[in-house]
N, C-alpha and C. Protein backbone atom coordinates (compact mmCIF):
# COMPACT_ATOMS: atom_id res chain seq x y z
N MET A 1 77.88 95.14 82.13
CA MET A 1 76.53 94.69 82.37
C MET A 1 76.78 93.43 81.08
N ASP A 2 76.18 92.51 81.05
CA ASP A 2 76.02 91.33 80.13
C ASP A 2 75.75 92.33 78.53
N PRO A 3 76.71 91.84 77.57
CA PRO A 3 76.03 92.44 76.28
C PRO A 3 74.91 91.93 75.64
N THR A 4 74.51 90.36 75.76
CA THR A 4 73.33 90.15 75.50
C THR A 4 72.39 90.74 76.08
N ILE A 5 72.41 90.64 77.43
CA ILE A 5 71.27 91.70 78.54
C ILE A 5 71.07 92.70 77.80
N ASP A 6 72.24 93.76 77.35
CA ASP A 6 71.99 95.08 76.55
C ASP A 6 71.52 94.72 75.77
N ARG A 7 71.63 94.06 74.76
CA ARG A 7 71.04 94.07 73.38
C ARG A 7 69.23 93.38 73.47
N GLN A 8 69.15 92.46 74.52
CA GLN A 8 67.93 92.13 74.52
C GLN A 8 67.22 93.22 75.32
N ASN A 9 67.64 94.12 76.25
CA ASN A 9 66.87 95.17 76.96
C ASN A 9 66.57 96.05 76.05
N GLN A 10 67.75 96.26 75.07
CA GLN A 10 67.54 97.39 73.71
C GLN A 10 66.54 96.97 72.86
N CYS A 11 66.37 95.34 72.24
CA CYS A 11 64.71 95.25 71.64
C CYS A 11 63.95 95.22 71.97
N TYR A 12 63.69 95.11 73.60
CA TYR A 12 62.52 95.05 74.17
C TYR A 12 62.19 96.60 74.17
N ARG A 13 63.19 97.11 74.59
CA ARG A 13 62.31 98.97 74.82
C ARG A 13 62.17 99.27 73.19
N GLU A 14 62.79 98.93 72.06
CA GLU A 14 62.35 99.42 70.95
C GLU A 14 60.91 98.87 70.30
N ALA A 15 60.82 97.59 70.46
CA ALA A 15 59.51 96.75 70.42
C ALA A 15 58.45 97.52 71.22
N ALA A 16 58.86 97.93 72.58
CA ALA A 16 57.79 98.42 73.76
C ALA A 16 57.20 99.88 73.21
N ALA A 17 58.08 100.42 72.83
CA ALA A 17 57.85 101.94 71.75
C ALA A 17 57.11 102.06 70.95
N SER A 18 57.25 101.15 69.71
CA SER A 18 57.04 100.84 68.78
C SER A 18 55.71 100.30 69.02
N TYR A 19 55.52 99.09 69.48
CA TYR A 19 54.29 98.65 69.68
C TYR A 19 53.27 98.46 70.97
N GLY A 20 53.71 99.04 72.06
CA GLY A 20 53.24 99.04 73.02
C GLY A 20 51.64 99.16 73.12
N GLY A 21 51.12 100.02 72.18
CA GLY A 21 49.78 100.26 72.21
C GLY A 21 48.96 99.28 71.35
N ASP A 22 49.59 98.85 70.46
CA ASP A 22 49.18 97.74 69.56
C ASP A 22 49.07 96.59 70.62
N ILE A 23 50.20 96.23 71.30
CA ILE A 23 49.97 95.14 72.30
C ILE A 23 48.69 95.00 73.15
N GLU A 24 48.89 96.24 73.42
CA GLU A 24 47.63 96.78 74.79
C GLU A 24 46.40 96.13 73.94
N ARG A 25 46.04 96.74 72.79
CA ARG A 25 45.03 96.85 72.09
C ARG A 25 44.71 95.22 71.97
N PHE A 26 45.89 94.56 71.58
CA PHE A 26 45.79 93.38 71.20
C PHE A 26 45.31 92.58 72.18
N ALA A 27 45.79 92.46 73.61
CA ALA A 27 45.50 91.99 74.58
C ALA A 27 43.89 91.95 75.16
N GLY A 28 43.27 93.03 74.40
CA GLY A 28 42.05 93.33 74.96
C GLY A 28 41.22 92.46 74.06
N GLY A 29 41.89 92.00 72.95
CA GLY A 29 40.98 91.09 72.13
C GLY A 29 41.10 89.51 72.57
N TYR A 30 41.88 89.43 73.29
CA TYR A 30 41.85 88.12 73.97
C TYR A 30 41.24 87.61 75.58
N GLU A 31 41.25 89.30 76.07
CA GLU A 31 40.37 89.51 77.63
C GLU A 31 39.97 90.45 77.81
N LEU A 32 38.76 89.86 77.90
CA LEU A 32 37.53 91.12 78.34
C LEU A 32 37.63 91.90 79.65
N ASN A 33 37.57 91.17 80.66
CA ASN A 33 37.75 91.58 81.91
C ASN A 33 39.16 92.22 82.25
N PRO A 34 38.58 93.64 82.64
CA PRO A 34 40.15 94.57 82.80
C PRO A 34 41.17 94.20 83.77
N ALA A 35 40.71 93.33 84.62
CA ALA A 35 41.99 92.87 85.63
C ALA A 35 42.67 91.90 85.10
N ARG A 36 42.24 90.86 84.35
CA ARG A 36 42.78 89.93 83.83
C ARG A 36 43.83 90.41 82.49
N ARG A 37 42.91 91.29 82.18
CA ARG A 37 43.33 92.27 80.72
C ARG A 37 44.91 92.77 81.26
N ARG A 38 45.00 92.98 82.30
CA ARG A 38 46.13 93.94 82.94
C ARG A 38 46.93 92.60 83.03
N GLU A 39 46.66 91.79 83.55
CA GLU A 39 47.89 90.54 83.99
C GLU A 39 48.20 89.95 82.69
N LEU A 40 47.07 89.84 81.76
CA LEU A 40 47.92 89.20 80.32
C LEU A 40 48.44 90.38 79.90
N LEU A 41 48.18 91.52 79.81
CA LEU A 41 49.37 92.54 79.17
C LEU A 41 50.69 92.41 79.90
N GLN A 42 50.93 92.12 81.09
CA GLN A 42 51.62 91.98 82.01
C GLN A 42 52.69 90.67 81.64
N GLU A 43 52.22 89.46 81.53
CA GLU A 43 52.58 88.36 80.74
C GLU A 43 53.13 88.42 79.22
N ILE A 44 52.55 89.17 78.38
CA ILE A 44 53.11 89.51 77.18
C ILE A 44 54.37 90.31 77.13
N HIS A 45 54.56 91.13 78.18
CA HIS A 45 55.55 91.84 77.94
C HIS A 45 56.92 91.56 78.57
N VAL A 46 56.16 90.64 79.95
CA VAL A 46 57.65 89.48 80.39
C VAL A 46 58.16 88.93 79.13
N ALA A 47 57.09 87.59 78.59
CA ALA A 47 57.53 86.98 77.80
C ALA A 47 58.23 87.74 76.43
N LEU A 48 57.78 89.17 76.07
CA LEU A 48 58.65 89.65 74.84
C LEU A 48 60.01 89.82 75.51
N TRP A 49 60.27 90.55 76.13
CA TRP A 49 61.54 90.65 76.75
C TRP A 49 62.24 89.54 77.13
N GLN A 50 61.80 88.13 77.26
CA GLN A 50 62.59 86.93 77.15
C GLN A 50 63.04 86.67 75.85
N SER A 51 61.66 86.71 75.24
CA SER A 51 61.92 86.50 73.68
C SER A 51 63.20 87.08 72.90
N PHE A 52 63.72 88.01 73.26
CA PHE A 52 64.70 88.59 72.79
C PHE A 52 65.96 87.96 73.14
N ALA A 53 66.21 87.43 73.71
CA ALA A 53 67.44 86.33 74.15
C ALA A 53 67.83 85.68 73.17
N GLY A 54 66.68 85.26 72.55
CA GLY A 54 66.75 84.55 70.94
C GLY A 54 66.37 84.99 69.68
N PHE A 55 66.25 86.35 69.48
CA PHE A 55 65.86 87.07 68.72
C PHE A 55 67.09 87.04 67.66
N GLU A 56 66.88 86.51 66.28
CA GLU A 56 68.00 86.68 65.31
C GLU A 56 67.64 87.59 64.13
N GLY A 57 66.54 88.20 64.22
CA GLY A 57 65.85 88.74 63.17
C GLY A 57 65.48 87.96 62.08
N GLN A 58 64.91 86.99 62.47
CA GLN A 58 64.41 85.73 61.79
C GLN A 58 63.46 86.80 60.72
N CYS A 59 62.50 87.30 61.45
CA CYS A 59 61.41 88.26 61.06
C CYS A 59 61.45 89.62 61.07
N SER A 60 60.47 90.38 60.85
CA SER A 60 60.49 91.53 60.98
C SER A 60 60.44 91.75 63.28
N LEU A 61 60.55 92.92 63.25
CA LEU A 61 60.25 93.03 64.64
C LEU A 61 58.51 93.15 65.42
N ARG A 62 57.95 93.84 64.24
CA ARG A 62 56.51 93.89 64.36
C ARG A 62 55.90 92.21 64.02
N THR A 63 56.43 91.42 63.36
CA THR A 63 56.01 90.01 63.34
C THR A 63 56.30 89.18 64.64
N TRP A 64 57.63 89.61 65.07
CA TRP A 64 57.90 89.27 66.42
C TRP A 64 57.07 89.23 67.57
N VAL A 65 56.98 90.50 67.41
CA VAL A 65 56.07 91.26 68.77
C VAL A 65 54.46 90.13 68.76
N TYR A 66 54.13 90.25 67.51
CA TYR A 66 52.54 89.88 67.22
C TYR A 66 52.92 87.84 67.57
N ARG A 67 53.70 87.48 67.44
CA ARG A 67 54.15 86.24 67.42
C ARG A 67 54.12 85.79 68.80
N VAL A 68 54.82 86.64 69.54
CA VAL A 68 55.10 86.27 71.29
C VAL A 68 53.94 86.50 71.61
N ALA A 69 53.10 88.05 71.21
CA ALA A 69 51.79 88.21 71.97
C ALA A 69 50.85 87.33 71.55
N HIS A 70 50.67 86.37 70.07
CA HIS A 70 49.41 85.58 70.09
C HIS A 70 49.77 84.49 70.76
N ASN A 71 51.04 83.73 71.00
CA ASN A 71 51.42 82.98 71.74
C ASN A 71 50.67 82.80 72.99
N VAL A 72 51.18 83.87 73.77
CA VAL A 72 50.88 84.29 75.12
C VAL A 72 49.28 84.28 75.29
N GLY A 73 48.77 85.08 74.25
CA GLY A 73 47.36 85.36 74.23
C GLY A 73 46.62 84.07 74.04
N ALA A 74 46.82 82.99 73.11
CA ALA A 74 46.08 81.73 73.02
C ALA A 74 46.52 80.75 74.34
N SER A 75 47.74 81.12 74.80
CA SER A 75 47.80 80.21 76.15
C SER A 75 46.97 80.54 77.33
N HIS A 76 46.71 81.99 77.12
CA HIS A 76 45.79 82.75 78.25
C HIS A 76 44.65 82.08 77.87
N VAL A 77 43.82 82.19 76.81
CA VAL A 77 42.54 81.68 76.35
C VAL A 77 42.23 80.03 76.59
N HIS A 78 43.62 79.03 76.36
CA HIS A 78 43.14 78.23 76.90
C HIS A 78 42.93 77.79 78.16
N ARG A 79 44.05 78.33 79.12
CA ARG A 79 43.88 78.47 80.56
C ARG A 79 42.25 78.82 80.97
N SER A 80 42.00 79.90 80.63
CA SER A 80 40.79 80.30 80.84
C SER A 80 39.44 79.72 80.34
N GLN A 81 39.49 78.90 79.52
CA GLN A 81 38.64 77.99 78.72
C GLN A 81 38.58 77.11 80.10
N ARG A 82 39.47 76.75 80.74
CA ARG A 82 39.52 75.64 81.64
C ARG A 82 39.03 76.06 83.02
N THR A 83 39.01 77.47 83.36
CA THR A 83 39.04 77.65 84.78
C THR A 83 37.89 79.07 85.21
N VAL A 84 37.54 79.84 84.00
CA VAL A 84 36.64 81.09 84.28
C VAL A 84 35.30 80.82 83.63
N ASP A 85 34.42 81.50 84.67
CA ASP A 85 32.96 81.49 84.48
C ASP A 85 32.83 82.89 83.35
N ARG A 86 32.59 82.50 82.36
CA ARG A 86 32.14 83.37 81.12
C ARG A 86 31.10 84.45 81.43
N GLY A 87 30.30 83.45 81.93
CA GLY A 87 28.80 84.64 82.11
C GLY A 87 28.77 85.54 83.47
N ALA A 88 29.60 85.64 84.20
CA ALA A 88 30.12 86.74 85.46
C ALA A 88 30.47 87.84 84.69
N LEU A 89 29.92 89.03 85.69
CA LEU A 89 30.20 90.00 85.16
C LEU A 89 30.57 91.05 86.23
N ALA A 90 32.07 91.51 85.62
CA ALA A 90 33.07 92.23 87.23
C ALA A 90 31.82 93.59 87.12
N LEU A 91 32.11 94.10 88.37
CA LEU A 91 31.28 95.29 88.91
C LEU A 91 32.52 96.60 88.05
N ASP A 92 33.81 96.49 87.55
CA ASP A 92 34.14 97.23 86.96
C ASP A 92 33.91 97.56 85.71
N ASP A 93 33.08 96.18 85.03
CA ASP A 93 32.31 96.11 83.52
C ASP A 93 31.12 96.70 83.74
N ALA A 94 30.26 96.55 85.02
CA ALA A 94 28.96 96.76 85.29
C ALA A 94 28.86 98.24 85.53
N SER A 95 30.22 99.49 85.91
CA SER A 95 29.88 100.70 86.19
C SER A 95 30.34 101.40 84.90
N GLU A 96 30.62 100.72 83.95
CA GLU A 96 31.07 101.34 82.61
C GLU A 96 29.75 102.11 81.88
N VAL A 97 29.36 103.32 82.36
CA VAL A 97 28.12 103.96 81.80
C VAL A 97 28.77 105.22 81.00
N PRO A 98 28.16 105.36 79.79
CA PRO A 98 28.81 106.33 78.84
C PRO A 98 28.13 107.69 79.32
N ASP A 99 28.82 108.88 79.58
CA ASP A 99 28.46 109.92 79.75
C ASP A 99 27.58 110.84 78.64
N GLU A 100 26.39 110.96 79.63
CA GLU A 100 25.12 111.62 78.63
C GLU A 100 25.55 112.54 77.78
N ARG A 101 26.64 113.80 78.10
CA ARG A 101 27.24 114.72 77.86
C ARG A 101 28.23 114.21 76.32
N ALA A 102 28.49 113.07 76.20
CA ALA A 102 29.61 112.76 75.33
C ALA A 102 28.87 113.14 73.85
N ASP A 103 29.93 113.15 72.95
CA ASP A 103 29.34 113.03 71.58
C ASP A 103 28.73 111.66 71.25
N MET A 104 27.26 111.62 70.78
CA MET A 104 26.78 110.41 70.56
C MET A 104 27.76 109.57 69.18
N GLY A 105 28.10 110.14 68.47
CA GLY A 105 29.13 109.51 67.48
C GLY A 105 30.11 108.89 68.05
N ALA A 106 31.25 109.17 68.89
CA ALA A 106 32.07 108.97 69.28
C ALA A 106 31.49 107.75 70.32
N VAL A 107 30.19 107.86 70.97
CA VAL A 107 29.65 107.00 71.73
C VAL A 107 29.54 105.69 71.16
N ASP A 108 28.33 105.96 69.96
CA ASP A 108 28.23 104.82 68.80
C ASP A 108 29.50 104.29 68.29
N ARG A 109 30.50 104.76 68.02
CA ARG A 109 31.84 104.11 67.56
C ARG A 109 32.15 103.00 69.01
N GLN A 110 32.47 103.75 69.87
CA GLN A 110 32.68 102.94 71.36
C GLN A 110 31.89 101.79 71.14
N LEU A 111 30.49 102.05 70.75
CA LEU A 111 29.50 100.52 71.23
C LEU A 111 29.68 99.43 70.09
N ASP A 112 29.89 99.91 68.81
CA ASP A 112 30.06 98.97 67.67
C ASP A 112 31.53 98.61 67.96
N LEU A 113 32.54 98.92 68.48
CA LEU A 113 34.04 98.43 68.82
C LEU A 113 33.72 97.62 69.78
N ARG A 114 32.77 97.77 70.87
CA ARG A 114 32.83 96.81 71.86
C ARG A 114 32.02 95.79 71.39
N ARG A 115 31.10 95.94 70.38
CA ARG A 115 30.50 94.94 70.12
C ARG A 115 31.52 93.49 68.90
N VAL A 116 31.86 94.51 68.30
CA VAL A 116 32.94 93.51 67.34
C VAL A 116 33.97 92.72 68.42
N LEU A 117 34.65 93.68 69.33
CA LEU A 117 35.35 92.44 70.52
C LEU A 117 34.93 91.46 70.99
N ALA A 118 33.20 91.83 71.62
CA ALA A 118 32.69 90.72 72.09
C ALA A 118 32.32 89.48 71.28
N LEU A 119 31.91 89.70 69.91
CA LEU A 119 31.87 88.78 68.93
C LEU A 119 33.08 88.25 68.73
N VAL A 120 34.32 88.90 68.51
CA VAL A 120 35.47 87.98 68.37
C VAL A 120 35.82 87.47 69.00
N HIS A 121 35.37 87.57 70.45
CA HIS A 121 35.91 86.98 71.73
C HIS A 121 35.40 85.82 71.56
N ARG A 122 34.20 85.58 71.28
CA ARG A 122 33.40 84.31 70.97
C ARG A 122 33.57 83.34 70.03
N LEU A 123 34.77 83.71 69.01
CA LEU A 123 34.85 82.95 67.90
C LEU A 123 35.79 81.77 68.81
N PRO A 124 35.67 80.95 67.82
CA PRO A 124 36.92 79.34 68.28
C PRO A 124 38.48 80.35 68.29
N ALA A 125 39.30 79.41 68.85
CA ALA A 125 40.60 80.56 69.41
C ALA A 125 41.44 80.26 67.93
N VAL A 126 41.56 79.91 66.82
CA VAL A 126 42.11 79.99 66.10
C VAL A 126 41.56 81.31 64.99
N ASP A 127 40.46 81.54 64.70
CA ASP A 127 39.50 82.25 64.18
C ASP A 127 39.81 83.61 64.80
N ARG A 128 39.49 83.54 66.25
CA ARG A 128 39.75 84.95 66.98
C ARG A 128 41.16 85.37 67.08
N GLN A 129 42.28 84.71 66.90
CA GLN A 129 43.56 85.23 66.75
C GLN A 129 43.97 85.42 65.39
N VAL A 130 43.40 84.99 64.04
CA VAL A 130 43.21 85.72 62.82
C VAL A 130 42.52 86.61 62.71
N MET A 131 41.58 86.86 63.38
CA MET A 131 40.77 88.53 63.05
C MET A 131 41.55 89.53 63.97
N LEU A 132 42.00 88.87 65.35
CA LEU A 132 42.97 89.63 65.92
C LEU A 132 44.03 90.54 65.10
N LEU A 133 44.42 89.92 64.76
CA LEU A 133 45.86 89.77 63.46
C LEU A 133 45.30 90.85 62.61
N TYR A 134 44.52 90.36 61.98
CA TYR A 134 43.65 90.89 61.06
C TYR A 134 43.22 92.61 61.46
N LEU A 135 42.60 92.73 62.52
CA LEU A 135 42.45 94.08 62.47
C LEU A 135 43.73 94.93 63.32
N GLU A 136 44.43 94.14 63.62
CA GLU A 136 45.76 94.84 63.90
C GLU A 136 46.45 95.63 62.50
N ASP A 137 46.10 95.24 61.54
CA ASP A 137 46.51 95.72 60.25
C ASP A 137 47.57 94.70 59.54
N LEU A 138 47.70 93.61 59.87
CA LEU A 138 48.63 92.38 59.64
C LEU A 138 48.09 91.98 58.44
N SER A 139 49.07 91.74 57.30
CA SER A 139 48.47 91.34 55.85
C SER A 139 48.30 89.65 56.15
N ALA A 140 47.91 89.13 55.50
CA ALA A 140 47.53 87.61 55.42
C ALA A 140 49.26 86.89 55.50
N GLN A 141 50.02 87.52 54.39
CA GLN A 141 51.14 86.61 54.97
C GLN A 141 51.58 86.92 56.35
N ALA A 142 51.88 88.09 56.72
CA ALA A 142 52.16 88.31 58.52
C ALA A 142 51.39 87.28 59.15
N ILE A 143 50.15 87.28 59.04
CA ILE A 143 49.34 86.54 59.69
C ILE A 143 49.71 85.33 59.77
N ALA A 144 50.06 84.62 58.77
CA ALA A 144 50.20 83.24 58.33
C ALA A 144 51.48 82.86 59.35
N GLU A 145 52.66 83.96 58.90
CA GLU A 145 53.80 83.79 59.76
C GLU A 145 53.97 83.47 61.26
N VAL A 146 52.96 84.31 61.67
CA VAL A 146 52.55 83.93 63.10
C VAL A 146 51.71 83.14 63.44
N THR A 147 50.56 82.92 63.13
CA THR A 147 49.68 81.92 63.52
C THR A 147 50.46 80.31 62.95
N GLY A 148 51.13 80.06 61.93
CA GLY A 148 51.61 78.99 61.11
C GLY A 148 50.33 78.68 60.47
N LEU A 149 49.63 79.24 60.05
CA LEU A 149 48.25 78.50 58.83
C LEU A 149 49.24 79.34 57.15
N SER A 150 48.61 79.01 56.46
CA SER A 150 49.23 79.16 54.85
C SER A 150 48.32 80.49 54.45
N ALA A 151 49.26 81.41 54.07
CA ALA A 151 48.48 82.98 53.81
C ALA A 151 47.09 82.81 53.19
N ARG A 152 46.79 81.58 52.15
CA ARG A 152 45.83 81.38 51.50
C ARG A 152 44.72 81.49 52.35
N ASN A 153 45.17 80.03 53.66
CA ASN A 153 44.00 79.87 54.59
C ASN A 153 43.69 81.38 55.17
N VAL A 154 44.31 81.96 55.54
CA VAL A 154 44.40 83.04 56.45
C VAL A 154 43.39 84.10 55.59
N ALA A 155 43.48 84.35 54.42
CA ALA A 155 42.75 85.23 53.74
C ALA A 155 41.46 84.38 53.25
N THR A 156 41.30 83.25 53.55
CA THR A 156 39.88 82.49 53.14
C THR A 156 39.05 82.65 54.48
N LYS A 157 40.04 82.59 55.67
CA LYS A 157 38.88 82.70 56.97
C LYS A 157 38.76 84.38 57.36
N VAL A 158 39.86 84.94 56.90
CA VAL A 158 39.27 86.52 57.18
C VAL A 158 38.24 86.90 56.52
N HIS A 159 38.17 86.54 55.17
CA HIS A 159 36.83 87.03 54.21
C HIS A 159 35.87 86.47 55.26
N ARG A 160 35.42 85.07 55.26
CA ARG A 160 34.72 84.33 56.10
C ARG A 160 34.08 85.10 57.24
N LEU A 161 35.16 85.20 58.25
CA LEU A 161 34.85 86.02 59.32
C LEU A 161 34.38 87.33 58.91
N LYS A 162 34.83 88.03 58.31
CA LYS A 162 34.59 89.69 58.17
C LYS A 162 32.95 89.21 57.93
N ALA A 163 32.52 88.22 56.86
CA ALA A 163 31.24 88.24 56.67
C ALA A 163 30.54 87.74 57.67
N LEU A 164 30.82 86.93 58.65
CA LEU A 164 29.81 86.33 59.76
C LEU A 164 29.89 87.74 61.01
N LEU A 165 31.01 88.43 60.63
CA LEU A 165 30.80 89.14 61.90
C LEU A 165 29.83 90.54 61.27
N ALA A 166 30.20 91.06 60.05
CA ALA A 166 28.52 91.66 59.67
C ALA A 166 27.63 91.38 59.75
N SER A 167 27.53 90.28 59.40
CA SER A 167 25.83 89.82 59.60
C SER A 167 25.58 89.92 61.24
N GLN A 168 26.19 89.14 61.93
CA GLN A 168 26.18 89.18 63.31
C GLN A 168 25.88 90.71 63.78
N LEU A 169 26.60 91.47 63.67
CA LEU A 169 26.39 92.85 63.85
C LEU A 169 25.33 93.89 63.18
N GLN A 170 24.74 93.07 61.95
CA GLN A 170 23.34 93.71 61.54
C GLN A 170 22.22 93.31 62.59
N THR A 171 22.56 92.37 62.88
CA THR A 171 21.20 91.44 63.55
C THR A 171 21.09 91.84 64.97
N ARG A 172 22.71 92.31 65.69
CA ARG A 172 22.15 92.71 66.80
C ARG A 172 22.21 94.09 67.04
N ARG A 173 21.92 94.78 66.11
CA ARG A 173 22.17 96.31 66.20
C ARG A 173 20.64 96.67 66.44
N PRO A 174 20.32 97.52 67.61
CA PRO A 174 19.02 98.06 67.92
C PRO A 174 18.62 98.58 67.08
N GLN A 175 17.13 98.56 66.68
CA GLN A 175 16.59 99.50 65.51
C GLN A 175 16.15 100.79 66.37
N PRO A 176 15.84 102.01 65.28
CA PRO A 176 15.65 103.30 66.28
C PRO A 176 14.04 102.92 66.36
């Protein structure tokens, strides 16, 4: 087998093993529809494998993975804005009803997470990308490397977006 392909496969396996869950969660921030989210996840994995043909260690593996996922996610959002009716609700989404026997605290946390993701999903593309990377616990510098923004700009955006999301969550939270 070609040594370049071997290296590419090894890098991909390492990235998928280390960051597979992160990539899946990250894809959820770009796509709410479960079927399209699975397609996006596949696109990210294919792009990631392909990208390792040119990976020279210019940055950390984590930054590289998020950069590829970010680029594929941004392209997906751009395509979706032209073609998808955002108001439609898939049957899969409508059928998700919490089990009444479930721990109410867990249900509340899940609902809060869904609210946050729904709010993040409505942000403009650049703000959404910054917030999703922030939620993945990347530093302002790492987010800057992925998005091409300055670290200072990223830090300012994160601060403003956190305040916006907090205020939106407070106004949308049902009162007892």
